[in-house]
Amino acid sequence: MNNYELHDRTAVITGAASGMGEATALLLAAGGARVALLARRRDRLDEVAAKITAGGGSALAVPVDVTDTVSVAAAAATVEAAYGRADLVVNAAGVMLPNPIGDGREDEWNRMIDTNLTGALRVIRAFLPGLRAAAAAGGTADLVNISSIGAHALFPQYAVYSATKAALTHLSASLRTELGAEAVRVTNIEPGLTDTELGGHVDNTELSAQLGAMFQAMPALSAGDIADLIGYVVSRPRHVNLRQVIALPTPQA
């Protein structure tokens, strides 16, 4: 991965225990940013934080459940007490639970909506004052939402997951109309097939096999590939906002 100049930045990354969130935290910390690691799994957060500090970086492990309003508010207070207000927020927490709509898996619908969409909204609300303050003071302020190519591409049995990601993509575009005038940048990133733990959540044997076949058919992106894109986006000059980035494995249609 490339190195990006991010000294004096304070970053918050959700989903930082693994996958794109972890890779993003490692990359931003390598660039000099202070990173607050947010996720549910404290043990994994501690491991990621240890990697960062061992390399001379600064990391804060903050256990949080993005589906819980009180938990997110408490995490924001913890981050501000340790690092001050954050000027870089990456919404990387997400879950993918595909199943036929006729199965009526309301438990999965609720989990995806509450994590992928409402969870992102909770994080945005909690950390938006810091983004606005950084921009008002003449600094760089970034909100990065990790959506999915599923927001546009249609995959059978993935209707609810894709709907949550389409909503996140539209939310990102709409937020630019509110925040762009305040010099807060909003970026939406839509990865294609990417090798992370996300596929491990699938509990449908047929769909799990289909996903496995896709990984065999083409070289997938790595979490590091997406982290590298985020590093590039947030290190652009303050007046440059890359609002939408779609990243696919070269063979993926």
Protein backbone atom coordinates (compact mmCIF):
# COMPACT_ATOMS: atom_id res chain seq x y z
CA MET A 1 0.00 0.00 0.00
CA ASN A 2 1.03 3.60 -0.53
CA ASN A 3 1.93 6.02 2.24
CA TYR A 4 -0.19 9.13 2.74
CA GLU A 5 0.57 12.25 4.79
CA LEU A 6 -2.04 12.33 7.54
CA HIS A 7 -0.21 13.83 10.51
CA ASP A 8 -2.43 15.95 12.77
CA ARG A 9 -5.55 14.07 11.61
CA THR A 10 -7.79 12.22 14.05
CA ALA A 11 -9.66 9.31 12.49
CA VAL A 12 -12.57 7.22 13.68
CA ILE A 13 -13.06 3.86 11.93
CA THR A 14 -16.03 1.61 12.60
CA GLY A 15 -15.77 -2.08 11.83
CA ALA A 16 -12.10 -1.75 12.75
CA ALA A 17 -11.76 -5.27 14.17
CA SER A 18 -11.30 -6.87 10.75
CA GLY A 19 -11.50 -6.48 6.99
CA MET A 20 -11.65 -3.07 5.37
CA GLY A 21 -11.97 -1.31 8.71
CA GLU A 22 -8.85 -2.90 10.13
CA ALA A 23 -6.85 -2.33 6.93
CA THR A 24 -7.96 1.31 6.84
CA ALA A 25 -6.96 1.85 10.46
CA LEU A 26 -3.51 0.41 9.83
CA LEU A 27 -2.98 2.54 6.73
CA LEU A 28 -4.20 5.80 8.27
CA ALA A 29 -2.07 5.21 11.36
CA ALA A 30 0.97 4.54 9.17
CA GLY A 31 0.35 7.94 7.61
CA GLY A 32 0.52 9.61 11.01
CA ALA A 33 -3.16 9.86 11.96
CA ARG A 34 -4.38 9.15 15.46
CA VAL A 35 -6.93 6.36 15.01
CA ALA A 36 -9.88 5.42 17.17
CA LEU A 37 -10.83 1.81 16.50
CA LEU A 38 -14.55 1.10 16.90
CA ALA A 39 -16.11 -2.37 16.78
CA ARG A 40 -17.83 -4.90 19.00
CA ARG A 41 -14.95 -7.34 19.54
CA ARG A 42 -12.65 -5.92 22.22
CA ASP A 43 -10.06 -8.67 21.83
CA ARG A 44 -9.64 -7.98 18.13
CA LEU A 45 -9.55 -4.23 18.68
CA ASP A 46 -6.75 -4.67 21.19
CA GLU A 47 -4.80 -6.75 18.67
CA VAL A 48 -5.17 -4.11 15.96
CA ALA A 49 -4.24 -1.34 18.40
CA ALA A 50 -1.15 -3.31 19.44
CA LYS A 51 -0.03 -3.60 15.80
CA ILE A 52 -0.36 0.15 15.38
CA THR A 53 1.44 1.12 18.57
CA ALA A 54 4.20 -1.40 17.86
CA GLY A 55 4.81 0.49 14.63
CA GLY A 56 5.02 3.82 16.42
CA GLY A 57 1.45 4.90 15.75
CA SER A 58 -1.32 6.07 18.05
CA ALA A 59 -4.45 3.95 18.46
CA LEU A 60 -7.40 3.84 20.83
CA ALA A 61 -9.57 0.71 21.11
CA VAL A 62 -13.21 1.62 21.76
CA PRO A 63 -15.72 -1.25 21.94
CA VAL A 64 -19.04 -0.15 20.47
CA ASP A 65 -22.27 -1.56 19.07
CA VAL A 66 -23.38 0.70 16.23
CA THR A 67 -26.93 -0.63 16.59
CA ASP A 68 -27.12 0.92 20.07
CA THR A 69 -27.55 4.69 20.36
CA VAL A 70 -26.18 4.88 23.91
CA SER A 71 -23.13 2.82 22.97
CA VAL A 72 -22.30 5.08 20.01
CA ALA A 73 -22.71 8.25 22.10
CA ALA A 74 -20.45 6.82 24.80
CA ALA A 75 -17.84 5.89 22.18
CA ALA A 76 -17.87 9.43 20.80
CA ALA A 77 -17.32 10.83 24.29
CA THR A 78 -14.42 8.41 24.87
CA VAL A 79 -12.75 9.41 21.61
CA GLU A 80 -13.12 13.13 22.29
CA ALA A 81 -11.73 12.76 25.82
CA ALA A 82 -8.65 10.97 24.49
CA TYR A 83 -7.98 12.69 21.17
CA GLY A 84 -10.25 15.71 20.89
CA ARG A 85 -12.73 15.98 18.07
CA ALA A 86 -12.28 13.69 15.06
CA ASP A 87 -11.87 15.21 11.60
CA LEU A 88 -12.00 11.93 9.66
CA VAL A 89 -14.77 9.34 10.01
CA VAL A 90 -14.93 6.04 8.12
CA ASN A 91 -18.15 4.01 8.30
CA ALA A 92 -16.84 0.51 7.59
CA ALA A 93 -19.12 -1.55 9.85
CA GLY A 94 -21.46 -3.76 7.88
CA VAL A 95 -23.12 -7.14 7.62
CA MET A 96 -24.31 -9.16 4.61
CA LEU A 97 -27.05 -11.75 5.18
CA PRO A 98 -28.55 -12.77 1.82
CA ASN A 99 -31.59 -15.03 1.62
CA PRO A 100 -34.67 -15.32 -0.61
CA ILE A 101 -37.16 -12.57 0.26
CA GLY A 102 -39.85 -15.22 0.60
CA ASP A 103 -38.04 -16.73 3.56
CA GLY A 104 -39.18 -13.71 5.54
CA ARG A 105 -36.05 -13.50 7.68
CA GLU A 106 -37.03 -10.41 9.59
CA ASP A 107 -34.20 -10.99 12.05
CA GLU A 108 -31.70 -10.63 9.20
CA TRP A 109 -33.54 -7.66 7.67
CA ASN A 110 -33.44 -5.80 10.96
CA ARG A 111 -29.79 -6.60 11.57
CA MET A 112 -28.72 -5.37 8.13
CA ILE A 113 -30.82 -2.21 8.26
CA ASP A 114 -29.75 -1.39 11.80
CA THR A 115 -26.05 -1.96 11.08
CA ASN A 116 -25.57 -0.90 7.47
CA LEU A 117 -27.85 2.12 7.43
CA THR A 118 -29.09 3.24 10.84
CA GLY A 119 -25.75 2.33 12.42
CA ALA A 120 -23.97 4.60 9.95
CA LEU A 121 -26.44 7.37 10.76
CA ARG A 122 -25.78 7.01 14.48
CA VAL A 123 -22.05 7.33 13.89
CA ILE A 124 -22.50 10.34 11.61
CA ARG A 125 -24.67 12.10 14.18
CA ALA A 126 -22.20 11.42 16.99
CA PHE A 127 -19.11 12.66 15.15
CA LEU A 128 -20.55 15.36 12.89
CA PRO A 129 -19.81 18.21 15.36
CA GLY A 130 -16.11 17.40 15.14
CA LEU A 131 -16.16 17.32 11.35
CA ARG A 132 -17.93 20.66 11.22
CA ALA A 133 -15.56 22.19 13.75
CA ALA A 134 -12.49 21.03 11.83
CA ALA A 135 -13.83 22.45 8.57
CA ALA A 136 -14.88 25.74 10.20
CA ALA A 137 -11.35 26.12 11.57
CA GLY A 138 -9.91 25.78 8.07
CA GLY A 139 -8.89 22.14 8.40
CA THR A 140 -9.73 19.10 6.33
CA ALA A 141 -12.83 17.14 7.31
CA ASP A 142 -13.83 13.81 5.77
CA LEU A 143 -16.79 11.48 6.07
CA VAL A 144 -16.24 8.21 4.17
CA ASN A 145 -19.07 5.68 3.85
CA ILE A 146 -18.29 2.19 2.57
CA SER A 147 -21.25 1.04 0.52
CA SER A 148 -21.14 -1.76 -2.07
CA ILE A 149 -21.42 -2.38 -5.79
CA GLY A 150 -24.62 -4.11 -4.67
CA ALA A 151 -26.12 -0.63 -4.44
CA HIS A 152 -26.27 -0.71 -8.26
CA ALA A 153 -25.66 -4.26 -9.48
CA LEU A 154 -28.54 -6.68 -9.00
CA PHE A 155 -27.94 -10.06 -7.37
CA PRO A 156 -30.79 -12.53 -6.73
CA GLN A 157 -31.42 -13.22 -3.02
CA TYR A 158 -29.47 -10.11 -1.98
CA ALA A 159 -32.42 -7.72 -2.14
CA VAL A 160 -32.39 -6.44 1.43
CA TYR A 161 -28.59 -6.18 1.66
CA SER A 162 -28.52 -4.30 -1.65
CA ALA A 163 -31.34 -2.03 -0.47
CA THR A 164 -29.36 -1.02 2.62
CA LYS A 165 -26.31 -0.25 0.51
CA ALA A 166 -28.35 1.68 -2.07
CA ALA A 167 -29.73 3.74 0.80
CA LEU A 168 -26.22 4.40 2.11
CA THR A 169 -25.05 5.47 -1.35
CA HIS A 170 -28.00 7.86 -1.69
CA LEU A 171 -27.45 9.12 1.85
CA SER A 172 -23.85 9.98 0.98
CA ALA A 173 -24.92 11.94 -2.10
CA SER A 174 -27.61 13.77 -0.15
CA LEU A 175 -25.25 14.64 2.68
CA ARG A 176 -22.95 16.38 0.23
CA THR A 177 -25.73 18.87 -0.47
CA GLU A 178 -25.86 19.65 3.26
CA LEU A 179 -22.20 19.45 4.22
CA GLY A 180 -20.30 20.45 1.09
CA ALA A 181 -21.08 24.12 1.63
CA GLU A 182 -19.50 23.79 5.08
CA ALA A 183 -16.32 22.29 3.55
CA VAL A 184 -17.01 18.84 4.98
CA ARG A 185 -16.18 16.29 2.30
CA VAL A 186 -18.38 13.21 1.85
CA THR A 187 -17.13 10.19 -0.08
CA ASN A 188 -19.04 7.04 -0.96
CA ILE A 189 -16.98 3.95 -1.81
CA GLU A 190 -18.54 0.95 -3.54
CA PRO A 191 -16.28 -2.10 -3.56
CA GLY A 192 -16.96 -5.10 -5.71
CA LEU A 193 -15.88 -8.63 -4.78
CA THR A 194 -13.54 -8.20 -1.82
CA ASP A 195 -11.90 -10.81 0.37
CA THR A 196 -13.10 -10.06 3.92
CA GLU A 197 -15.04 -11.79 6.71
CA LEU A 198 -18.32 -10.49 5.26
CA GLY A 199 -19.02 -13.70 3.34
CA GLY A 200 -18.65 -15.72 6.51
CA HIS A 201 -21.90 -14.28 7.81
CA VAL A 202 -23.92 -16.01 5.08
CA ASP A 203 -25.99 -18.87 6.54
CA ASN A 204 -27.52 -20.06 3.26
CA THR A 205 -25.56 -23.07 1.96
CA GLU A 206 -26.40 -22.48 -1.71
CA LEU A 207 -25.57 -18.78 -1.62
CA SER A 208 -22.39 -19.44 0.33
CA ALA A 209 -21.30 -21.89 -2.38
CA GLN A 210 -22.12 -19.35 -5.10
CA LEU A 211 -20.02 -16.74 -3.35
CA GLY A 212 -17.17 -19.21 -3.00
CA ALA A 213 -17.35 -19.92 -6.73
CA MET A 214 -17.02 -16.20 -7.46
CA PHE A 215 -13.81 -16.07 -5.43
CA GLN A 216 -12.49 -19.03 -7.41
CA ALA A 217 -13.48 -17.49 -10.74
CA MET A 218 -11.63 -14.21 -10.34
CA PRO A 219 -8.97 -12.53 -8.19
CA ALA A 220 -10.88 -10.54 -5.58
CA LEU A 221 -9.88 -7.18 -4.19
CA SER A 222 -8.19 -7.20 -0.80
CA ALA A 223 -9.18 -5.13 2.20
CA GLY A 224 -5.89 -3.33 1.69
CA ASP A 225 -6.94 -2.26 -1.80
CA ILE A 226 -9.96 -0.46 -0.34
CA ALA A 227 -7.90 1.03 2.48
CA ASP A 228 -5.46 2.39 -0.10
CA LEU A 229 -8.33 4.10 -1.93
CA ILE A 230 -9.52 5.66 1.33
CA GLY A 231 -6.01 6.88 2.10
CA TYR A 232 -5.85 8.52 -1.33
CA VAL A 233 -9.29 10.12 -1.00
CA VAL A 234 -8.71 11.69 2.42
CA SER A 235 -5.23 12.96 1.59
CA ARG A 236 -6.35 15.11 -1.37
CA PRO A 237 -6.18 18.91 -1.03
CA ARG A 238 -9.01 20.31 1.06
CA HIS A 239 -10.89 21.69 -1.95
CA VAL A 240 -10.98 18.31 -3.76
CA ASN A 241 -13.81 15.91 -2.91
CA LEU A 242 -13.90 12.52 -4.61
CA ARG A 243 -17.59 11.96 -4.01
CA GLN A 244 -18.03 8.47 -5.50
CA VAL A 245 -15.49 5.69 -5.99
CA ILE A 246 -16.42 2.31 -7.48
CA ALA A 247 -13.66 -0.30 -7.22
CA LEU A 248 -14.01 -3.69 -8.88
CA PRO A 249 -11.73 -6.62 -9.64
CA THR A 250 -10.78 -6.14 -13.26
CA PRO A 251 -12.78 -9.17 -14.54
CA GLN A 252 -15.95 -8.32 -12.58
CA ALA A 253 -18.67 -7.03 -14.89
